[in-house]
Each structure stands twice: as C-alpha cells, then as structure tokens.
C-alpha atoms as a PDB file:
ATOM      1  CA  MET A   1       2.459  29.577 -26.234  1.00  0.00           C
ATOM      2  CA  GLY A   2      -0.276  27.704 -28.115  1.00  0.00           C
ATOM      3  CA  ILE A   3       0.517  25.779 -31.267  1.00  0.00           C
ATOM      4  CA  GLY A   4      -1.521  26.835 -34.277  1.00  0.00           C
ATOM      5  CA  GLY A   5      -2.601  24.882 -37.325  1.00  0.00           C
ATOM      6  CA  SER A   6       0.341  25.977 -39.442  1.00  0.00           C
ATOM      7  CA  GLU A   7       2.854  24.864 -36.800  1.00  0.00           C
ATOM      8  CA  ILE A   8       1.222  21.424 -36.561  1.00  0.00           C
ATOM      9  CA  LEU A   9       1.319  21.096 -40.343  1.00  0.00           C
ATOM     10  CA  LEU A  10       5.004  22.033 -40.381  1.00  0.00           C
ATOM     11  CA  ILE A  11       5.796  19.461 -37.666  1.00  0.00           C
ATOM     12  CA  PHE A  12       3.856  16.790 -39.589  1.00  0.00           C
ATOM     13  CA  LEU A  13       5.776  17.564 -42.783  1.00  0.00           C
ATOM     14  CA  VAL A  14       9.142  17.394 -40.972  1.00  0.00           C
ATOM     15  CA  VAL A  15       8.190  14.014 -39.439  1.00  0.00           C
ATOM     16  CA  LEU A  16       7.035  12.787 -42.844  1.00  0.00           C
ATOM     17  CA  LEU A  17      10.315  13.825 -44.449  1.00  0.00           C
ATOM     18  CA  LEU A  18      12.464  12.336 -41.683  1.00  0.00           C
ATOM     19  CA  PHE A  19      10.719   8.978 -41.308  1.00  0.00           C
ATOM     20  CA  GLY A  20       8.760   8.439 -44.508  1.00  0.00           C
ATOM     21  CA  SER A  21       5.101   7.582 -44.911  1.00  0.00           C
ATOM     22  CA  LYS A  22       5.598   3.879 -44.134  1.00  0.00           C
ATOM     23  CA  LYS A  23       7.194   4.514 -40.707  1.00  0.00           C
ATOM     24  CA  ILE A  24       4.648   7.026 -39.392  1.00  0.00           C
ATOM     25  CA  PRO A  25       1.949   4.425 -38.458  1.00  0.00           C
ATOM     26  CA  ASP A  26       4.596   2.370 -36.632  1.00  0.00           C
ATOM     27  CA  LEU A  27       5.826   5.474 -34.816  1.00  0.00           C
ATOM     28  CA  ALA A  28       2.260   6.399 -33.856  1.00  0.00           C
ATOM     29  CA  ARG A  29       1.650   2.862 -32.596  1.00  0.00           C
ATOM     30  CA  GLU A  30       4.843   2.926 -30.530  1.00  0.00           C
ATOM     31  CA  PHE A  31       3.939   6.361 -29.184  1.00  0.00           C
ATOM     32  CA  GLY A  32       0.509   5.019 -28.154  1.00  0.00           C
ATOM     33  CA  LYS A  33       2.098   2.015 -26.420  1.00  0.00           C
ATOM     34  CA  GLY A  34       4.494   4.328 -24.605  1.00  0.00           C
ATOM     35  CA  MET A  35       1.619   6.523 -23.437  1.00  0.00           C
ATOM     36  CA  ARG A  36      -0.322   3.461 -22.194  1.00  0.00           C
ATOM     37  CA  GLU A  37       2.721   2.223 -20.276  1.00  0.00           C
ATOM     38  CA  PHE A  38       3.244   5.663 -18.791  1.00  0.00           C
ATOM     39  CA  LYS A  39      -0.429   5.861 -17.720  1.00  0.00           C
ATOM     40  CA  LYS A  40      -0.253   2.343 -16.263  1.00  0.00           C
ATOM     41  CA  ALA A  41       2.884   3.202 -14.274  1.00  0.00           C
ATOM     42  CA  THR A  42       1.247   6.405 -13.018  1.00  0.00           C
ATOM     43  CA  ASP A  43      -1.875   4.482 -11.952  1.00  0.00           C
ATOM     44  CA  ASP A  44       0.275   1.872 -10.184  1.00  0.00           C
ATOM     45  CA  ILE A  45       2.096   4.581  -8.248  1.00  0.00           C
ATOM     46  CA  LYS A  46      -1.214   6.221  -7.286  1.00  0.00           C
ATOM     47  CA  ARG A  47      -2.599   2.839  -6.140  1.00  0.00           C
ATOM     48  CA  GLU A  48       0.515   2.100  -4.043  1.00  0.00           C
ATOM     49  CA  ILE A  49       0.315   5.508  -2.389  1.00  0.00           C
ATOM     50  CA  SER A  50      -3.381   4.967  -1.665  1.00  0.00           C
ATOM     51  CA  GLN A  51      -2.717   1.490  -0.240  1.00  0.00           C
ATOM     52  CA  SER A  52       0.102   2.888   1.869  1.00  0.00           C
ATOM     53  CA  GLU A  53      -2.252   5.514   3.316  1.00  0.00           C
ATOM     54  CA  VAL A  54      -4.906   2.858   3.993  1.00  0.00           C
ATOM     55  CA  MET A  55      -2.365   0.595   5.707  1.00  0.00           C
ATOM     56  CA  SER A  56      -1.206   3.521   7.821  1.00  0.00           C
ATOM     57  CA  GLU A  57      -4.816   4.159   8.891  1.00  0.00           C
ATOM     58  CA  VAL A  58      -5.321   0.448   9.608  1.00  0.00           C
ATOM     59  CA  ASN A  59      -2.176   0.367  11.762  1.00  0.00           C
ATOM     60  CA  ASP A  60      -3.343   3.482  13.629  1.00  0.00           C
ATOM     61  CA  LEU A  61      -6.731   1.877  14.265  1.00  0.00           C
ATOM     62  CA  LYS A  62      -5.025  -1.331  15.405  1.00  0.00           C
ATOM     63  CA  SER A  63      -2.872   0.616  17.871  1.00  0.00           C
ATOM     64  CA  ASP A  64      -5.930   2.464  19.195  1.00  0.00           C
ATOM     65  CA  MET A  65      -7.817  -0.812  19.560  1.00  0.00           C
ATOM     66  CA  ASN A  66      -4.921  -2.451  21.428  1.00  0.00           C
ATOM     67  CA  ARG A  67      -4.719   0.536  23.773  1.00  0.00           C
ATOM     68  CA  HIS A  68      -8.469   0.379  24.472  1.00  0.00           C
ATOM     69  CA  VAL A  69      -8.331  -3.382  25.082  1.00  0.00           C
ATOM     70  CA  SER A  70      -5.426  -2.855  27.492  1.00  0.00           C
ATOM     71  CA  ASP A  71      -7.403  -0.139  29.326  1.00  0.00           C
ATOM     72  CA  VAL A  72     -10.414  -2.450  29.608  1.00  0.00           C
ATOM     73  CA  GLN A  73      -8.219  -5.272  30.926  1.00  0.00           C
ATOM     74  CA  ASP A  74      -6.719  -2.926  33.519  1.00  0.00           C
ATOM     75  CA  ASN A  75     -10.191  -1.780  34.598  1.00  0.00           C
ATOM     76  CA  ILE A  76     -11.424  -5.362  34.859  1.00  0.00           C
ATOM     77  CA  GLY A  77      -8.365  -6.244  36.963  1.00  0.00           C
ATOM     78  CA  LYS A  78      -9.008  -3.305  39.313  1.00  0.00           C
ATOM     79  CA  MET A  79     -12.702  -4.137  39.606  1.00  0.00           C
ATOM     80  CA  THR A  80     -11.903  -7.803  40.284  1.00  0.00           C
ATOM     81  CA  SER A  81      -9.445  -6.842  42.995  1.00  0.00           C
ATOM     82  CA  GLU A  82     -11.970  -4.506  44.635  1.00  0.00           C
ATOM     83  CA  LEU A  83     -14.687  -7.156  44.405  1.00  0.00           C
ATOM     84  CA  ASN A  84     -12.399  -9.761  45.993  1.00  0.00           C
ATOM     85  CA  LYS A  85     -11.711  -7.353  48.883  1.00  0.00           C
ATOM     86  CA  GLU A  86     -15.426  -6.748  49.388  1.00  0.00           C
ATOM     87  CA  VAL A  87     -16.202 -10.472  49.277  1.00  0.00           C
ATOM     88  CA  SER A  88     -13.430 -11.091  51.785  1.00  0.00           C
ATOM     89  CA  GLU A  89     -14.827  -8.399  54.094  1.00  0.00           C
ATOM     90  CA  VAL A  90     -18.332  -9.868  53.823  1.00  0.00           C
ATOM     91  CA  HIS A  91     -16.939 -13.319  54.533  1.00  0.00           C
ATOM     92  CA  ASP A  92     -15.061 -12.005  57.580  1.00  0.00           C
ATOM     93  CA  ASN A  93     -18.217 -10.245  58.813  1.00  0.00           C
ATOM     94  CA  ILE A  94     -20.275 -13.413  58.400  1.00  0.00           C
ATOM     95  CA  SER A  95     -17.653 -15.447  60.252  1.00  0.00           C
ATOM     96  CA  LYS A  96     -17.513 -12.885  63.075  1.00  0.00           C
ATOM     97  CA  THR A  97     -21.302 -12.742  63.322  1.00  0.00           C
ATOM     98  CA  THR A  98     -21.498 -16.543  63.352  1.00  0.00           C
ATOM     99  CA  ASN A  99     -18.900 -16.720  66.115  1.00  0.00           C
ATOM    100  CA  ASP A 100     -20.734 -14.049  68.131  1.00  0.00           C
ATOM    101  CA  LEU A 101     -24.023 -15.911  67.715  1.00  0.00           C
ATOM    102  CA  ASN A 102     -22.430 -19.173  68.759  1.00  0.00           C
ATOM    103  CA  LYS A 103     -21.181 -17.505  71.944  1.00  0.00           C
ATOM    104  CA  ASP A 104     -24.589 -16.037  72.718  1.00  0.00           C
ATOM    105  CA  ILE A 105     -26.577 -19.226  72.093  1.00  0.00           C
ATOM    106  CA  PRO A 106     -26.201 -21.777  74.848  1.00  0.00           C
ATOM    107  CA  ASN A 107     -25.130 -25.217  73.875  1.00  0.00           C
ATOM    108  CA  ILE A 108     -28.115 -27.432  73.632  1.00  0.00           C
END
C-alpha cells in the first residue's frame, strides 16, 4: 500500500495541470495552515482531557481530606466527652473526700 516515486510524480503532475504553477505555493501554504490548525486543535483537546483528569484527582483528594477531617473532628469530640466525664468523676471524688474529711475533723 506504499506510494512509490512514480505515483508521487503522477500526483504532482495532475496537481500542476489542475491548479497551475502559480497556485501550487498558495495551496501548499493553505495546506500547512490547515495542518497547524489541526495540530493545535488536537493539542487543545489533549490538554483539556489532561486537565479534566487532574481536576478529577483533585476532587477525589478533596473528598478524602474532608472525610479525614470529619473523622478527626468526631474523634476529638469523643475524646472531649470522655475527658469531661473523667474530670467530673474526679471532681465528685474530691468533693466527697472533702466532705468526709470535714466530718472526721472536729470543728476547731
């Protein structure tokens, strides 16, 4: 399916006959512009796809981070609640011990 030298020469002669020698440089220039535009459009599509993938990863990381922050907040809330209970128990024990000591010590 390759094109040989004679086929290229035949194509060139047909183009020369159809468009004339003055139009060929203009056609080549227009073909080059078209190829540049096509390459630019292809690069833009590739860049948009890449950015879309990056944004998807960023959103996934953001969701993971929010979940971890929520877990940490829940753990801090549980620990604070447990600490408040322990402090309350210690306070109650101190109050009870103080009351017991006040009963045992005679009023002076």
